[in-house]
Amino acid sequence: MGLVYRSRCIITFNRQKVLSVGWMQALSRASQRAIKLHDSLRVVRTNAAHVDELMVWLNDCYVLLTAKDKDSIPDDLTVVDALVKEHTVCTSVVSCQRGLFVCSI
């Protein structure tokens, strides 16, 4: 009886050790995934803020364009030059906005 009890104790101990190692590995993987999820959430929030900024900017551009659309076509060359400069500034702002989004998922 003593030998059977001892062997069952050893088997139970070994199973417990295997379960403990597996549990520790599961906890480690869960903590690594939590870190990745927090990083991804930060990136998503940053991108959402950029989208909000771009929407505000696009609405401003839309208002400006609709106001300019109501204006008559100027005959004066200085007015045309000023409009070309405004267009150049607008296109440079658009090209600068292209690199704002970060994707590291």
C-alpha atoms as a PDB file:
ATOM      1  CA  MET A   1       0.000   0.000   0.000  1.00  0.00           C
ATOM      2  CA  GLY A   2       2.819   2.432   0.801  1.00  0.00           C
ATOM      3  CA  LEU A   3       4.506   1.915  -2.584  1.00  0.00           C
ATOM      4  CA  VAL A   4       1.275   2.539  -4.525  1.00  0.00           C
ATOM      5  CA  TYR A   5       0.563   5.681  -2.485  1.00  0.00           C
ATOM      6  CA  ARG A   6       4.089   6.964  -3.064  1.00  0.00           C
ATOM      7  CA  SER A   7       3.935   6.392  -6.832  1.00  0.00           C
ATOM      8  CA  ARG A   8       0.540   8.142  -7.011  1.00  0.00           C
ATOM      9  CA  CYS A   9       1.985  11.086  -5.087  1.00  0.00           C
ATOM     10  CA  ILE A  10       4.904  11.311  -7.538  1.00  0.00           C
ATOM     11  CA  ILE A  11       2.538  11.151 -10.535  1.00  0.00           C
ATOM     12  CA  THR A  12       0.332  13.862  -9.011  1.00  0.00           C
ATOM     13  CA  PHE A  13       3.355  16.027  -8.252  1.00  0.00           C
ATOM     14  CA  ASN A  14       4.662  15.675 -11.820  1.00  0.00           C
ATOM     15  CA  ARG A  15       1.261  16.544 -13.276  1.00  0.00           C
ATOM     16  CA  GLN A  16       1.086  19.581 -11.036  1.00  0.00           C
ATOM     17  CA  LYS A  17       4.534  20.662 -12.181  1.00  0.00           C
ATOM     18  CA  VAL A  18       3.532  20.321 -15.863  1.00  0.00           C
ATOM     19  CA  LEU A  19       0.342  22.275 -15.229  1.00  0.00           C
ATOM     20  CA  SER A  20       2.255  24.977 -13.381  1.00  0.00           C
ATOM     21  CA  VAL A  21       4.742  25.406 -16.234  1.00  0.00           C
ATOM     22  CA  GLY A  22       1.893  25.554 -18.766  1.00  0.00           C
ATOM     23  CA  TRP A  23       0.066  28.122 -16.643  1.00  0.00           C
ATOM     24  CA  MET A  24       3.161  30.317 -16.385  1.00  0.00           C
ATOM     25  CA  GLN A  25       3.629  30.149 -20.170  1.00  0.00           C
ATOM     26  CA  ALA A  26      -0.018  31.091 -20.690  1.00  0.00           C
ATOM     27  CA  LEU A  27       0.367  34.070 -18.353  1.00  0.00           C
ATOM     28  CA  SER A  28       3.506  35.189 -20.171  1.00  0.00           C
ATOM     29  CA  ARG A  29       1.791  35.014 -23.582  1.00  0.00           C
ATOM     30  CA  ALA A  30      -1.227  36.867 -22.224  1.00  0.00           C
ATOM     31  CA  SER A  31       0.941  39.678 -20.881  1.00  0.00           C
ATOM     32  CA  GLN A  32       2.793  39.975 -24.211  1.00  0.00           C
ATOM     33  CA  ARG A  33      -0.521  40.155 -26.072  1.00  0.00           C
ATOM     34  CA  ALA A  34      -1.779  42.788 -23.632  1.00  0.00           C
ATOM     35  CA  ILE A  35       1.254  44.940 -24.414  1.00  0.00           C
ATOM     36  CA  LYS A  36       0.658  44.562 -28.163  1.00  0.00           C
ATOM     37  CA  LEU A  37      -3.025  45.412 -27.740  1.00  0.00           C
ATOM     38  CA  HIS A  38      -2.215  48.544 -25.755  1.00  0.00           C
ATOM     39  CA  ASP A  39       0.275  49.645 -28.428  1.00  0.00           C
ATOM     40  CA  SER A  40      -2.274  49.005 -31.181  1.00  0.00           C
ATOM     41  CA  LEU A  41      -4.928  50.927 -29.257  1.00  0.00           C
ATOM     42  CA  ARG A  42      -2.537  53.882 -28.936  1.00  0.00           C
ATOM     43  CA  VAL A  43      -1.917  53.816 -32.699  1.00  0.00           C
ATOM     44  CA  VAL A  44      -5.651  53.637 -33.433  1.00  0.00           C
ATOM     45  CA  ARG A  45      -6.342  56.592 -31.132  1.00  0.00           C
ATOM     46  CA  THR A  46      -3.545  58.588 -32.781  1.00  0.00           C
ATOM     47  CA  ASN A  47      -4.926  57.823 -36.234  1.00  0.00           C
ATOM     48  CA  ALA A  48      -8.435  58.774 -35.105  1.00  0.00           C
ATOM     49  CA  ALA A  49      -7.116  62.127 -33.900  1.00  0.00           C
ATOM     50  CA  HIS A  50      -5.423  62.652 -37.277  1.00  0.00           C
ATOM     51  CA  VAL A  51      -8.655  61.787 -39.078  1.00  0.00           C
ATOM     52  CA  ASP A  52     -10.510  64.352 -36.962  1.00  0.00           C
ATOM     53  CA  GLU A  53      -7.900  66.997 -37.820  1.00  0.00           C
ATOM     54  CA  LEU A  54      -8.115  66.127 -41.504  1.00  0.00           C
ATOM     55  CA  MET A  55     -11.912  66.311 -41.459  1.00  0.00           C
ATOM     56  CA  VAL A  56     -11.769  69.788 -39.939  1.00  0.00           C
ATOM     57  CA  TRP A  57      -9.209  70.832 -42.535  1.00  0.00           C
ATOM     58  CA  LEU A  58     -11.267  69.350 -45.385  1.00  0.00           C
ATOM     59  CA  ASN A  59     -14.391  71.143 -44.170  1.00  0.00           C
ATOM     60  CA  ASP A  60     -12.441  74.401 -44.090  1.00  0.00           C
ATOM     61  CA  CYS A  61     -11.212  73.756 -47.628  1.00  0.00           C
ATOM     62  CA  TYR A  62     -14.745  72.964 -48.767  1.00  0.00           C
ATOM     63  CA  VAL A  63     -16.041  76.232 -47.324  1.00  0.00           C
ATOM     64  CA  LEU A  64     -13.205  78.121 -48.985  1.00  0.00           C
ATOM     65  CA  LEU A  65     -13.820  76.445 -52.332  1.00  0.00           C
ATOM     66  CA  THR A  66     -17.551  77.048 -52.278  1.00  0.00           C
ATOM     67  CA  ALA A  67     -16.916  80.705 -51.426  1.00  0.00           C
ATOM     68  CA  LYS A  68     -14.381  80.998 -54.267  1.00  0.00           C
ATOM     69  CA  ASP A  69     -16.770  79.237 -56.642  1.00  0.00           C
ATOM     70  CA  LYS A  70     -19.318  82.010 -56.163  1.00  0.00           C
ATOM     71  CA  ASP A  71     -16.746  84.667 -57.075  1.00  0.00           C
ATOM     72  CA  SER A  72     -16.488  85.808 -60.644  1.00  0.00           C
ATOM     73  CA  ILE A  73     -13.419  85.005 -62.715  1.00  0.00           C
ATOM     74  CA  PRO A  74     -10.971  87.886 -62.224  1.00  0.00           C
ATOM     75  CA  ASP A  75      -9.620  89.891 -65.126  1.00  0.00           C
ATOM     76  CA  ASP A  76      -6.731  91.307 -63.123  1.00  0.00           C
ATOM     77  CA  LEU A  77      -3.486  89.318 -63.385  1.00  0.00           C
ATOM     78  CA  THR A  78      -2.419  90.076 -59.774  1.00  0.00           C
ATOM     79  CA  VAL A  79      -5.602  88.448 -58.467  1.00  0.00           C
ATOM     80  CA  VAL A  80      -4.912  85.379 -60.602  1.00  0.00           C
ATOM     81  CA  ASP A  81      -1.332  85.241 -59.272  1.00  0.00           C
ATOM     82  CA  ALA A  82      -2.655  85.409 -55.703  1.00  0.00           C
ATOM     83  CA  LEU A  83      -5.063  82.560 -56.428  1.00  0.00           C
ATOM     84  CA  VAL A  84      -2.230  80.470 -57.895  1.00  0.00           C
ATOM     85  CA  LYS A  85      -0.147  81.081 -54.757  1.00  0.00           C
ATOM     86  CA  GLU A  86      -3.082  80.020 -52.566  1.00  0.00           C
ATOM     87  CA  HIS A  87      -3.439  76.881 -54.657  1.00  0.00           C
ATOM     88  CA  THR A  88       0.264  76.119 -54.298  1.00  0.00           C
ATOM     89  CA  VAL A  89       0.043  76.470 -50.520  1.00  0.00           C
ATOM     90  CA  CYS A  90      -3.044  74.263 -50.445  1.00  0.00           C
ATOM     91  CA  THR A  91      -1.374  71.532 -52.510  1.00  0.00           C
ATOM     92  CA  SER A  92       1.737  71.606 -50.348  1.00  0.00           C
ATOM     93  CA  VAL A  93      -0.409  71.195 -47.215  1.00  0.00           C
ATOM     94  CA  VAL A  94      -2.174  68.219 -48.816  1.00  0.00           C
ATOM     95  CA  SER A  95       1.145  66.602 -49.706  1.00  0.00           C
ATOM     96  CA  CYS A  96       2.393  67.144 -46.130  1.00  0.00           C
ATOM     97  CA  GLN A  97      -0.749  65.508 -44.707  1.00  0.00           C
ATOM     98  CA  ARG A  98      -0.117  62.254 -46.604  1.00  0.00           C
ATOM     99  CA  GLY A  99       2.536  60.953 -44.186  1.00  0.00           C
ATOM    100  CA  LEU A 100       0.566  61.420 -40.969  1.00  0.00           C
ATOM    101  CA  PHE A 101      -0.940  57.957 -40.639  1.00  0.00           C
ATOM    102  CA  VAL A 102       1.036  55.289 -38.855  1.00  0.00           C
ATOM    103  CA  CYS A 103       0.180  51.630 -39.244  1.00  0.00           C
ATOM    104  CA  SER A 104       2.053  49.177 -37.066  1.00  0.00           C
ATOM    105  CA  ILE A 105      -0.589  46.541 -36.507  1.00  0.00           C
END
